[in-house]
Amino acid sequence: MLQMITILFPSIALIGLGFYLFQSRILDEKFWNGAEKLNYYILFPALLFSSLANADMNMGHLNSILTVIFLIMAMIIAGVYLFAKLNRTPIAQIGVYVQSLIRFNTYLGLSIATTLNNAEIKSILVNILAIAIPLVNVVSILSLTDKNQLNIKNIFWSLIKNPLISSCILGITFNVLNIPIWSGFANLLNAFSSSSLMLGLLCVGTAIQFSTLKVYLKKSLLISLFRLLLIPLIAFVCLQFFDLSHAAVIAIMIFFSIPTASSAYILTKLLNGDHQLMAASISMQTLLSVFTLALILALLQHYYV
């Protein structure tokens, strides 16, 4: 357990530092708005592109990995809509539940994979993220949109213009077509990538809002426990039916154990969802994940030693 806390410490420290800097107003709000935009439009897309352009996409068990991912995500989404129908949940909250349970903090996931210093785990996780990013964006938008207001054309173009999705597509294209990247540009991408993880984790800290937690304490706690403990347990059970390597199992477990993305708040507010509940869920998941990730990683290490 202590070893897992050591692995998670850089990520935890950066999130905590971001929270402190934001709350103390040492850096004003304009800085954080600019930092988030810089990371969203330039640094993080560079990280995704370079990771995917150099990733090993010829893994023999990739189909099985993706089957597990899609199966579990389909179960989660179906469960949310069944719950919503039985409880007559408004669309504004359905979108929050869906995003809370299927979106993921990519910065934290990649940071953990990098700290584990296992190239196979990182490669598998990058492949999962590349395919999951477009999928969760589509599902998130649909979950927040009333069926009478759906505009497939607008949704399609909004996804194409999304820098994260376009960088994933470009990175996969370079990988599949084996297009070489000039070493000077590759070094620039590496510099961008290193900056992205650090800045991204700092910005995650700014998303922690204790004021909303007080209002939605019980609901956000239930959502978070479901996301951070029950879903990883479901994922682990499902994985027992597939013949996957230890690295694949660990990568999938990290994927399903990391908290939801802080950017879910922006989308929820933009599409008139319950953004306060979304903020509370993001905050609660981020705080609890410090303990749940350490526990899950420790159990995985014990199980596979």
C-alpha atoms as a PDB file:
ATOM      1  CA  MET A   1       0.000   0.000   0.000  1.00  0.00           C
ATOM      2  CA  LEU A   2       2.837   2.399   0.895  1.00  0.00           C
ATOM      3  CA  GLN A   3       4.494   1.698  -2.451  1.00  0.00           C
ATOM      4  CA  MET A   4       1.255   2.556  -4.284  1.00  0.00           C
ATOM      5  CA  ILE A   5       0.950   5.836  -2.365  1.00  0.00           C
ATOM      6  CA  THR A   6       4.529   6.595  -3.437  1.00  0.00           C
ATOM      7  CA  ILE A   7       3.562   5.948  -7.069  1.00  0.00           C
ATOM      8  CA  LEU A   8       0.495   8.192  -6.770  1.00  0.00           C
ATOM      9  CA  PHE A   9       2.240  10.928  -4.787  1.00  0.00           C
ATOM     10  CA  PRO A  10       3.375  13.113  -7.756  1.00  0.00           C
ATOM     11  CA  SER A  11      -0.173  13.206  -9.139  1.00  0.00           C
ATOM     12  CA  ILE A  12      -1.726  13.829  -5.714  1.00  0.00           C
ATOM     13  CA  ALA A  13       0.804  16.568  -4.935  1.00  0.00           C
ATOM     14  CA  LEU A  14       0.164  18.388  -8.223  1.00  0.00           C
ATOM     15  CA  ILE A  15      -3.622  18.233  -7.756  1.00  0.00           C
ATOM     16  CA  GLY A  16      -3.227  19.506  -4.191  1.00  0.00           C
ATOM     17  CA  LEU A  17      -0.910  22.300  -5.326  1.00  0.00           C
ATOM     18  CA  GLY A  18      -3.395  23.334  -8.017  1.00  0.00           C
ATOM     19  CA  PHE A  19      -6.170  23.477  -5.416  1.00  0.00           C
ATOM     20  CA  TYR A  20      -4.030  25.576  -3.053  1.00  0.00           C
ATOM     21  CA  LEU A  21      -2.885  28.015  -5.744  1.00  0.00           C
ATOM     22  CA  PHE A  22      -6.448  28.487  -6.989  1.00  0.00           C
ATOM     23  CA  GLN A  23      -8.015  28.954  -3.562  1.00  0.00           C
ATOM     24  CA  SER A  24      -5.249  31.257  -2.284  1.00  0.00           C
ATOM     25  CA  ARG A  25      -5.589  33.486  -5.376  1.00  0.00           C
ATOM     26  CA  ILE A  26      -1.800  33.610  -5.761  1.00  0.00           C
ATOM     27  CA  LEU A  27      -2.575  33.199  -9.461  1.00  0.00           C
ATOM     28  CA  ASP A  28      -5.757  34.918 -10.612  1.00  0.00           C
ATOM     29  CA  GLU A  29      -8.639  33.260 -12.438  1.00  0.00           C
ATOM     30  CA  LYS A  30      -7.506  34.571 -15.826  1.00  0.00           C
ATOM     31  CA  PHE A  31      -4.301  32.543 -15.500  1.00  0.00           C
ATOM     32  CA  TRP A  32      -6.217  29.310 -14.893  1.00  0.00           C
ATOM     33  CA  ASN A  33      -8.612  29.987 -17.771  1.00  0.00           C
ATOM     34  CA  GLY A  34      -5.632  30.536 -20.059  1.00  0.00           C
ATOM     35  CA  ALA A  35      -3.838  27.473 -18.713  1.00  0.00           C
ATOM     36  CA  GLU A  36      -6.849  25.240 -19.351  1.00  0.00           C
ATOM     37  CA  LYS A  37      -7.202  26.556 -22.911  1.00  0.00           C
ATOM     38  CA  LEU A  38      -3.465  26.130 -23.593  1.00  0.00           C
ATOM     39  CA  ASN A  39      -3.617  22.548 -22.389  1.00  0.00           C
ATOM     40  CA  TYR A  40      -6.882  21.737 -24.177  1.00  0.00           C
ATOM     41  CA  TYR A  41      -5.956  23.179 -27.568  1.00  0.00           C
ATOM     42  CA  ILE A  42      -2.175  22.627 -27.775  1.00  0.00           C
ATOM     43  CA  LEU A  43      -0.338  20.685 -25.062  1.00  0.00           C
ATOM     44  CA  PHE A  44      -2.690  17.764 -24.461  1.00  0.00           C
ATOM     45  CA  PRO A  45      -3.477  17.175 -28.149  1.00  0.00           C
ATOM     46  CA  ALA A  46       0.309  17.060 -28.705  1.00  0.00           C
ATOM     47  CA  LEU A  47       0.593  14.418 -25.973  1.00  0.00           C
ATOM     48  CA  LEU A  48      -2.202  12.320 -27.476  1.00  0.00           C
ATOM     49  CA  PHE A  49      -0.815  12.633 -30.999  1.00  0.00           C
ATOM     50  CA  SER A  50       2.763  11.696 -30.073  1.00  0.00           C
ATOM     51  CA  SER A  51       1.646   8.835 -27.829  1.00  0.00           C
ATOM     52  CA  LEU A  52      -0.618   7.351 -30.496  1.00  0.00           C
ATOM     53  CA  ALA A  53       1.799   7.929 -33.383  1.00  0.00           C
ATOM     54  CA  ASN A  54       4.384   5.846 -31.508  1.00  0.00           C
ATOM     55  CA  ALA A  55       2.076   3.363 -29.773  1.00  0.00           C
ATOM     56  CA  ASP A  56       2.114  -0.355 -30.451  1.00  0.00           C
ATOM     57  CA  MET A  57      -1.270  -0.949 -32.090  1.00  0.00           C
ATOM     58  CA  ASN A  58      -0.501  -4.466 -33.240  1.00  0.00           C
ATOM     59  CA  MET A  59      -1.180  -6.107 -29.897  1.00  0.00           C
ATOM     60  CA  GLY A  60      -2.784  -9.470 -30.513  1.00  0.00           C
ATOM     61  CA  HIS A  61      -5.243  -9.114 -27.638  1.00  0.00           C
ATOM     62  CA  LEU A  62      -6.342  -5.540 -28.424  1.00  0.00           C
ATOM     63  CA  ASN A  63      -9.733  -6.788 -29.667  1.00  0.00           C
ATOM     64  CA  SER A  64     -10.346  -8.549 -26.359  1.00  0.00           C
ATOM     65  CA  ILE A  65      -9.313  -5.432 -24.426  1.00  0.00           C
ATOM     66  CA  LEU A  66     -11.726  -3.257 -26.387  1.00  0.00           C
ATOM     67  CA  THR A  67     -14.485  -5.853 -26.024  1.00  0.00           C
ATOM     68  CA  VAL A  68     -14.150  -5.660 -22.241  1.00  0.00           C
ATOM     69  CA  ILE A  69     -14.117  -1.850 -22.301  1.00  0.00           C
ATOM     70  CA  PHE A  70     -17.220  -1.548 -24.502  1.00  0.00           C
ATOM     71  CA  LEU A  71     -19.087  -4.283 -22.615  1.00  0.00           C
ATOM     72  CA  ILE A  72     -18.598  -2.627 -19.235  1.00  0.00           C
ATOM     73  CA  MET A  73     -19.383   0.852 -20.550  1.00  0.00           C
ATOM     74  CA  ALA A  74     -22.553  -0.444 -22.221  1.00  0.00           C
ATOM     75  CA  MET A  75     -23.621  -2.041 -18.932  1.00  0.00           C
ATOM     76  CA  ILE A  76     -23.019   1.233 -17.070  1.00  0.00           C
ATOM     77  CA  ILE A  77     -24.956   3.342 -19.586  1.00  0.00           C
ATOM     78  CA  ALA A  78     -27.851   0.869 -19.691  1.00  0.00           C
ATOM     79  CA  GLY A  79     -27.927   0.817 -15.889  1.00  0.00           C
ATOM     80  CA  VAL A  80     -28.067   4.627 -15.699  1.00  0.00           C
ATOM     81  CA  TYR A  81     -30.961   4.854 -18.159  1.00  0.00           C
ATOM     82  CA  LEU A  82     -32.861   2.059 -16.405  1.00  0.00           C
ATOM     83  CA  PHE A  83     -32.395   3.844 -13.066  1.00  0.00           C
ATOM     84  CA  ALA A  84     -33.440   7.145 -14.667  1.00  0.00           C
ATOM     85  CA  LYS A  85     -36.605   5.623 -16.137  1.00  0.00           C
ATOM     86  CA  LEU A  86     -37.636   3.989 -12.860  1.00  0.00           C
ATOM     87  CA  ASN A  87     -37.022   7.209 -10.905  1.00  0.00           C
ATOM     88  CA  ARG A  88     -38.186   9.650 -13.608  1.00  0.00           C
ATOM     89  CA  THR A  89     -34.857  11.410 -13.482  1.00  0.00           C
ATOM     90  CA  PRO A  90     -34.686  14.694 -15.476  1.00  0.00           C
ATOM     91  CA  ILE A  91     -32.361  14.831 -18.496  1.00  0.00           C
ATOM     92  CA  ALA A  92     -30.238  17.450 -16.713  1.00  0.00           C
ATOM     93  CA  GLN A  93     -29.222  14.851 -14.108  1.00  0.00           C
ATOM     94  CA  ILE A  94     -29.053  11.836 -16.434  1.00  0.00           C
ATOM     95  CA  GLY A  95     -26.159  13.514 -18.229  1.00  0.00           C
ATOM     96  CA  VAL A  96     -24.400  14.043 -14.914  1.00  0.00           C
ATOM     97  CA  TYR A  97     -24.763  10.397 -13.936  1.00  0.00           C
ATOM     98  CA  VAL A  98     -23.532   9.159 -17.309  1.00  0.00           C
ATOM     99  CA  GLN A  99     -20.489  11.453 -17.327  1.00  0.00           C
ATOM    100  CA  SER A 100     -19.696  10.715 -13.684  1.00  0.00           C
ATOM    101  CA  LEU A 101     -19.545   7.003 -14.441  1.00  0.00           C
ATOM    102  CA  ILE A 102     -17.958   6.737 -17.904  1.00  0.00           C
ATOM    103  CA  ARG A 103     -15.775   9.827 -18.391  1.00  0.00           C
ATOM    104  CA  PHE A 104     -12.202   9.646 -17.141  1.00  0.00           C
ATOM    105  CA  ASN A 105      -9.394  11.952 -16.063  1.00  0.00           C
ATOM    106  CA  THR A 106      -6.864  11.289 -18.810  1.00  0.00           C
ATOM    107  CA  TYR A 107      -4.135  13.327 -17.102  1.00  0.00           C
ATOM    108  CA  LEU A 108      -4.301  11.197 -13.986  1.00  0.00           C
ATOM    109  CA  GLY A 109      -4.469   7.935 -15.925  1.00  0.00           C
ATOM    110  CA  LEU A 110      -1.419   8.726 -18.069  1.00  0.00           C
ATOM    111  CA  SER A 111       0.463  10.083 -15.062  1.00  0.00           C
ATOM    112  CA  ILE A 112      -0.047   6.809 -13.185  1.00  0.00           C
ATOM    113  CA  ALA A 113       0.921   4.743 -16.231  1.00  0.00           C
ATOM    114  CA  THR A 114       4.092   6.819 -16.675  1.00  0.00           C
ATOM    115  CA  THR A 115       5.014   6.546 -12.991  1.00  0.00           C
ATOM    116  CA  LEU A 116       4.590   2.747 -13.092  1.00  0.00           C
ATOM    117  CA  ASN A 117       7.416   2.786 -15.652  1.00  0.00           C
ATOM    118  CA  ASN A 118       5.935  -0.059 -17.665  1.00  0.00           C
ATOM    119  CA  ALA A 119       5.937   0.571 -21.415  1.00  0.00           C
ATOM    120  CA  GLU A 120       3.337  -2.137 -22.127  1.00  0.00           C
ATOM    121  CA  ILE A 121       0.836  -0.763 -19.595  1.00  0.00           C
ATOM    122  CA  LYS A 122       1.264   2.762 -20.952  1.00  0.00           C
ATOM    123  CA  SER A 123       0.913   1.580 -24.564  1.00  0.00           C
ATOM    124  CA  ILE A 124      -2.300  -0.336 -23.807  1.00  0.00           C
ATOM    125  CA  LEU A 125      -3.745   2.554 -21.810  1.00  0.00           C
ATOM    126  CA  VAL A 126      -3.005   5.033 -24.608  1.00  0.00           C
ATOM    127  CA  ASN A 127      -4.795   2.763 -27.098  1.00  0.00           C
ATOM    128  CA  ILE A 128      -7.803   2.514 -24.780  1.00  0.00           C
ATOM    129  CA  LEU A 129      -7.912   6.284 -24.310  1.00  0.00           C
ATOM    130  CA  ALA A 130      -7.633   6.934 -28.038  1.00  0.00           C
ATOM    131  CA  ILE A 131     -10.761   4.937 -28.799  1.00  0.00           C
ATOM    132  CA  ALA A 132     -12.643   5.871 -25.620  1.00  0.00           C
ATOM    133  CA  ILE A 133     -12.218   9.658 -25.941  1.00  0.00           C
ATOM    134  CA  PRO A 134     -14.458  10.008 -29.046  1.00  0.00           C
ATOM    135  CA  LEU A 135     -16.928   7.458 -27.668  1.00  0.00           C
ATOM    136  CA  VAL A 136     -17.425   9.111 -24.281  1.00  0.00           C
ATOM    137  CA  ASN A 137     -17.731  12.540 -25.898  1.00  0.00           C
ATOM    138  CA  VAL A 138     -20.555  11.303 -28.137  1.00  0.00           C
ATOM    139  CA  VAL A 139     -22.333   9.536 -25.268  1.00  0.00           C
ATOM    140  CA  SER A 140     -21.885  12.551 -22.960  1.00  0.00           C
ATOM    141  CA  ILE A 141     -23.428  14.964 -25.475  1.00  0.00           C
ATOM    142  CA  LEU A 142     -26.318  12.589 -26.187  1.00  0.00           C
ATOM    143  CA  SER A 143     -26.988  12.054 -22.474  1.00  0.00           C
ATOM    144  CA  LEU A 144     -27.369  15.803 -21.936  1.00  0.00           C
ATOM    145  CA  THR A 145     -29.536  16.391 -25.018  1.00  0.00           C
ATOM    146  CA  ASP A 146     -33.284  15.894 -25.159  1.00  0.00           C
ATOM    147  CA  LYS A 147     -34.198  13.439 -27.918  1.00  0.00           C
ATOM    148  CA  ASN A 148     -36.438  16.083 -29.503  1.00  0.00           C
ATOM    149  CA  GLN A 149     -33.481  18.459 -29.836  1.00  0.00           C
ATOM    150  CA  LEU A 150     -30.957  16.076 -31.338  1.00  0.00           C
ATOM    151  CA  ASN A 151     -29.071  17.404 -34.349  1.00  0.00           C
ATOM    152  CA  ILE A 152     -26.722  14.720 -35.656  1.00  0.00           C
ATOM    153  CA  LYS A 153     -24.986  17.114 -38.061  1.00  0.00           C
ATOM    154  CA  ASN A 154     -24.110  19.588 -35.298  1.00  0.00           C
ATOM    155  CA  ILE A 155     -22.913  16.811 -33.006  1.00  0.00           C
ATOM    156  CA  PHE A 156     -20.711  15.380 -35.783  1.00  0.00           C
ATOM    157  CA  TRP A 157     -19.040  18.716 -36.553  1.00  0.00           C
ATOM    158  CA  SER A 158     -18.545  19.549 -32.877  1.00  0.00           C
ATOM    159  CA  LEU A 159     -16.715  16.228 -32.459  1.00  0.00           C
ATOM    160  CA  ILE A 160     -14.557  16.770 -35.548  1.00  0.00           C
ATOM    161  CA  LYS A 161     -13.558  20.236 -34.281  1.00  0.00           C
ATOM    162  CA  ASN A 162     -12.668  18.816 -30.860  1.00  0.00           C
ATOM    163  CA  PRO A 163      -8.832  19.044 -30.657  1.00  0.00           C
ATOM    164  CA  LEU A 164      -8.572  15.898 -28.521  1.00  0.00           C
ATOM    165  CA  ILE A 165     -10.508  13.793 -30.999  1.00  0.00           C
ATOM    166  CA  SER A 166      -8.766  15.234 -34.079  1.00  0.00           C
ATOM    167  CA  SER A 167      -5.331  14.665 -32.494  1.00  0.00           C
ATOM    168  CA  CYS A 168      -6.289  11.041 -31.752  1.00  0.00           C
ATOM    169  CA  ILE A 169      -7.385  10.503 -35.360  1.00  0.00           C
ATOM    170  CA  LEU A 170      -4.195  12.140 -36.676  1.00  0.00           C
ATOM    171  CA  GLY A 171      -1.973  10.115 -34.336  1.00  0.00           C
ATOM    172  CA  ILE A 172      -3.621   6.840 -35.335  1.00  0.00           C
ATOM    173  CA  THR A 173      -3.261   7.796 -39.021  1.00  0.00           C
ATOM    174  CA  PHE A 174       0.486   8.440 -38.619  1.00  0.00           C
ATOM    175  CA  ASN A 175       0.821   5.124 -36.779  1.00  0.00           C
ATOM    176  CA  VAL A 176      -1.147   3.003 -39.236  1.00  0.00           C
ATOM    177  CA  LEU A 177       0.492   4.545 -42.327  1.00  0.00           C
ATOM    178  CA  ASN A 178       3.910   4.461 -40.622  1.00  0.00           C
ATOM    179  CA  ILE A 179       4.541   8.141 -41.415  1.00  0.00           C
ATOM    180  CA  PRO A 180       7.894   9.254 -39.962  1.00  0.00           C
ATOM    181  CA  ILE A 181       8.060  12.273 -37.625  1.00  0.00           C
ATOM    182  CA  TRP A 182      11.063  14.604 -37.945  1.00  0.00           C
ATOM    183  CA  SER A 183      13.230  14.319 -34.812  1.00  0.00           C
ATOM    184  CA  GLY A 184      13.150  18.073 -34.153  1.00  0.00           C
ATOM    185  CA  PHE A 185       9.347  18.104 -34.195  1.00  0.00           C
ATOM    186  CA  ALA A 186       9.290  14.939 -32.082  1.00  0.00           C
ATOM    187  CA  ASN A 187      11.417  16.689 -29.437  1.00  0.00           C
ATOM    188  CA  LEU A 188       8.984  19.614 -29.440  1.00  0.00           C
ATOM    189  CA  LEU A 189       6.067  17.210 -28.986  1.00  0.00           C
ATOM    190  CA  ASN A 190       7.875  15.570 -26.057  1.00  0.00           C
ATOM    191  CA  ALA A 191       8.311  18.985 -24.412  1.00  0.00           C
ATOM    192  CA  PHE A 192       4.615  19.743 -24.923  1.00  0.00           C
ATOM    193  CA  SER A 193       3.653  16.311 -23.579  1.00  0.00           C
ATOM    194  CA  SER A 194       5.701  16.697 -20.391  1.00  0.00           C
ATOM    195  CA  SER A 195       4.164  20.121 -19.753  1.00  0.00           C
ATOM    196  CA  SER A 196       0.654  18.832 -20.432  1.00  0.00           C
ATOM    197  CA  LEU A 197       0.551  16.253 -17.650  1.00  0.00           C
ATOM    198  CA  MET A 198       1.874  18.706 -15.051  1.00  0.00           C
ATOM    199  CA  LEU A 199      -0.418  21.567 -16.090  1.00  0.00           C
ATOM    200  CA  GLY A 200      -3.391  19.229 -16.491  1.00  0.00           C
ATOM    201  CA  LEU A 201      -3.069  17.877 -12.950  1.00  0.00           C
ATOM    202  CA  LEU A 202      -2.706  21.395 -11.546  1.00  0.00           C
ATOM    203  CA  CYS A 203      -5.938  22.356 -13.321  1.00  0.00           C
ATOM    204  CA  VAL A 204      -7.679  19.268 -11.907  1.00  0.00           C
ATOM    205  CA  GLY A 205      -7.013  20.731  -8.453  1.00  0.00           C
ATOM    206  CA  THR A 206      -8.874  23.908  -9.381  1.00  0.00           C
ATOM    207  CA  ALA A 207     -12.015  21.865 -10.092  1.00  0.00           C
ATOM    208  CA  ILE A 208     -12.389  20.804  -6.438  1.00  0.00           C
ATOM    209  CA  GLN A 209     -15.294  22.804  -4.981  1.00  0.00           C
ATOM    210  CA  PHE A 210     -16.119  22.199  -1.327  1.00  0.00           C
ATOM    211  CA  SER A 211     -19.103  24.576  -1.495  1.00  0.00           C
ATOM    212  CA  THR A 212     -20.989  22.287  -3.897  1.00  0.00           C
ATOM    213  CA  LEU A 213     -19.986  19.218  -1.886  1.00  0.00           C
ATOM    214  CA  LYS A 214     -21.913  20.533   1.109  1.00  0.00           C
ATOM    215  CA  VAL A 215     -25.102  20.803  -0.955  1.00  0.00           C
ATOM    216  CA  TYR A 216     -24.785  17.464  -2.784  1.00  0.00           C
ATOM    217  CA  LEU A 217     -22.799  15.485  -0.209  1.00  0.00           C
ATOM    218  CA  LYS A 218     -24.908  12.292  -0.099  1.00  0.00           C
ATOM    219  CA  LYS A 219     -25.621  12.100  -3.830  1.00  0.00           C
ATOM    220  CA  SER A 220     -22.024  12.852  -4.887  1.00  0.00           C
ATOM    221  CA  LEU A 221     -20.698  10.333  -2.355  1.00  0.00           C
ATOM    222  CA  LEU A 222     -22.955   7.559  -3.705  1.00  0.00           C
ATOM    223  CA  ILE A 223     -21.993   8.367  -7.304  1.00  0.00           C
ATOM    224  CA  SER A 224     -18.302   8.393  -6.393  1.00  0.00           C
ATOM    225  CA  LEU A 225     -18.364   5.114  -4.491  1.00  0.00           C
ATOM    226  CA  PHE A 226     -20.156   3.498  -7.406  1.00  0.00           C
ATOM    227  CA  ARG A 227     -17.594   4.879  -9.834  1.00  0.00           C
ATOM    228  CA  LEU A 228     -14.410   4.299  -7.846  1.00  0.00           C
ATOM    229  CA  LEU A 229     -15.168   0.982  -6.146  1.00  0.00           C
ATOM    230  CA  LEU A 230     -18.128  -0.848  -7.677  1.00  0.00           C
ATOM    231  CA  ILE A 231     -17.242  -0.283 -11.342  1.00  0.00           C
ATOM    232  CA  PRO A 232     -13.605  -1.455 -10.872  1.00  0.00           C
ATOM    233  CA  LEU A 233     -14.986  -4.545  -9.105  1.00  0.00           C
ATOM    234  CA  ILE A 234     -17.351  -5.227 -12.017  1.00  0.00           C
ATOM    235  CA  ALA A 235     -14.454  -4.700 -14.438  1.00  0.00           C
ATOM    236  CA  PHE A 236     -12.245  -7.126 -12.519  1.00  0.00           C
ATOM    237  CA  VAL A 237     -14.942  -9.811 -12.532  1.00  0.00           C
ATOM    238  CA  CYS A 238     -15.483  -9.377 -16.290  1.00  0.00           C
ATOM    239  CA  LEU A 239     -11.725  -9.610 -16.907  1.00  0.00           C
ATOM    240  CA  GLN A 240     -11.671 -13.119 -15.449  1.00  0.00           C
ATOM    241  CA  PHE A 241     -13.535 -14.351 -18.543  1.00  0.00           C
ATOM    242  CA  PHE A 242     -10.823 -13.092 -20.909  1.00  0.00           C
ATOM    243  CA  ASP A 243      -7.311 -14.398 -21.438  1.00  0.00           C
ATOM    244  CA  LEU A 244      -5.380 -11.131 -21.075  1.00  0.00           C
ATOM    245  CA  SER A 245      -1.849 -10.303 -19.967  1.00  0.00           C
ATOM    246  CA  HIS A 246      -1.207  -8.833 -16.523  1.00  0.00           C
ATOM    247  CA  ALA A 247      -0.271  -5.528 -18.161  1.00  0.00           C
ATOM    248  CA  ALA A 248      -3.616  -5.430 -20.002  1.00  0.00           C
ATOM    249  CA  VAL A 249      -5.558  -6.167 -16.811  1.00  0.00           C
ATOM    250  CA  ILE A 250      -3.714  -3.416 -14.902  1.00  0.00           C
ATOM    251  CA  ALA A 251      -4.240  -0.896 -17.734  1.00  0.00           C
ATOM    252  CA  ILE A 252      -7.980  -1.661 -17.884  1.00  0.00           C
ATOM    253  CA  MET A 253      -8.289  -1.463 -14.106  1.00  0.00           C
ATOM    254  CA  ILE A 254      -6.536   1.923 -14.067  1.00  0.00           C
ATOM    255  CA  PHE A 255      -8.904   3.098 -16.793  1.00  0.00           C
ATOM    256  CA  PHE A 256     -11.992   2.161 -14.771  1.00  0.00           C
ATOM    257  CA  SER A 257     -10.552   3.336 -11.427  1.00  0.00           C
ATOM    258  CA  ILE A 258      -9.607   6.920 -12.271  1.00  0.00           C
ATOM    259  CA  PRO A 259     -12.125   9.665 -11.433  1.00  0.00           C
ATOM    260  CA  THR A 260     -14.259  11.463 -13.993  1.00  0.00           C
ATOM    261  CA  ALA A 261     -12.855  14.294 -16.112  1.00  0.00           C
ATOM    262  CA  SER A 262     -12.987  17.822 -14.704  1.00  0.00           C
ATOM    263  CA  SER A 263     -13.948  19.047 -18.207  1.00  0.00           C
ATOM    264  CA  ALA A 264     -17.318  17.333 -17.720  1.00  0.00           C
ATOM    265  CA  TYR A 265     -18.372  20.409 -15.735  1.00  0.00           C
ATOM    266  CA  ILE A 266     -17.927  22.707 -18.757  1.00  0.00           C
ATOM    267  CA  LEU A 267     -19.944  20.458 -21.090  1.00  0.00           C
ATOM    268  CA  THR A 268     -22.698  20.020 -18.509  1.00  0.00           C
ATOM    269  CA  LYS A 269     -23.033  23.772 -18.000  1.00  0.00           C
ATOM    270  CA  LEU A 270     -22.905  24.432 -21.749  1.00  0.00           C
ATOM    271  CA  LEU A 271     -25.750  21.972 -22.422  1.00  0.00           C
ATOM    272  CA  ASN A 272     -27.882  23.160 -19.467  1.00  0.00           C
ATOM    273  CA  GLY A 273     -27.297  20.107 -17.298  1.00  0.00           C
ATOM    274  CA  ASP A 274     -27.137  20.110 -13.496  1.00  0.00           C
ATOM    275  CA  HIS A 275     -23.625  21.604 -13.413  1.00  0.00           C
ATOM    276  CA  GLN A 276     -23.596  22.010  -9.630  1.00  0.00           C
ATOM    277  CA  LEU A 277     -24.169  18.290  -9.108  1.00  0.00           C
ATOM    278  CA  MET A 278     -21.501  17.646 -11.759  1.00  0.00           C
ATOM    279  CA  ALA A 279     -19.053  19.886  -9.879  1.00  0.00           C
ATOM    280  CA  ALA A 280     -19.800  18.055  -6.626  1.00  0.00           C
ATOM    281  CA  SER A 281     -19.280  14.670  -8.293  1.00  0.00           C
ATOM    282  CA  ILE A 282     -15.965  15.767  -9.828  1.00  0.00           C
ATOM    283  CA  SER A 283     -14.774  17.133  -6.483  1.00  0.00           C
ATOM    284  CA  MET A 284     -15.804  14.072  -4.487  1.00  0.00           C
ATOM    285  CA  GLN A 285     -14.322  11.611  -6.986  1.00  0.00           C
ATOM    286  CA  THR A 286     -11.038  13.508  -7.167  1.00  0.00           C
ATOM    287  CA  LEU A 287     -10.697  13.526  -3.371  1.00  0.00           C
ATOM    288  CA  LEU A 288     -11.716   9.895  -2.826  1.00  0.00           C
ATOM    289  CA  SER A 289      -9.572   8.593  -5.694  1.00  0.00           C
ATOM    290  CA  VAL A 290      -6.465   9.376  -3.641  1.00  0.00           C
ATOM    291  CA  PHE A 291      -7.407   6.448  -1.397  1.00  0.00           C
ATOM    292  CA  THR A 292      -9.310   4.171  -3.791  1.00  0.00           C
ATOM    293  CA  LEU A 293      -6.569   4.196  -6.458  1.00  0.00           C
ATOM    294  CA  ALA A 294      -3.912   3.327  -3.888  1.00  0.00           C
ATOM    295  CA  LEU A 295      -6.112   0.478  -2.603  1.00  0.00           C
ATOM    296  CA  ILE A 296      -6.896  -0.923  -6.060  1.00  0.00           C
ATOM    297  CA  LEU A 297      -3.285  -0.707  -7.286  1.00  0.00           C
ATOM    298  CA  ALA A 298      -2.079  -2.392  -4.078  1.00  0.00           C
ATOM    299  CA  LEU A 299      -4.628  -5.212  -4.508  1.00  0.00           C
ATOM    300  CA  LEU A 300      -3.612  -5.686  -8.148  1.00  0.00           C
ATOM    301  CA  GLN A 301       0.040  -5.871  -7.181  1.00  0.00           C
ATOM    302  CA  HIS A 302      -0.754  -8.444  -4.492  1.00  0.00           C
ATOM    303  CA  TYR A 303      -2.965 -10.479  -6.824  1.00  0.00           C
ATOM    304  CA  TYR A 304      -0.424 -10.656  -9.646  1.00  0.00           C
ATOM    305  CA  VAL A 305       2.788 -11.123  -7.656  1.00  0.00           C
END
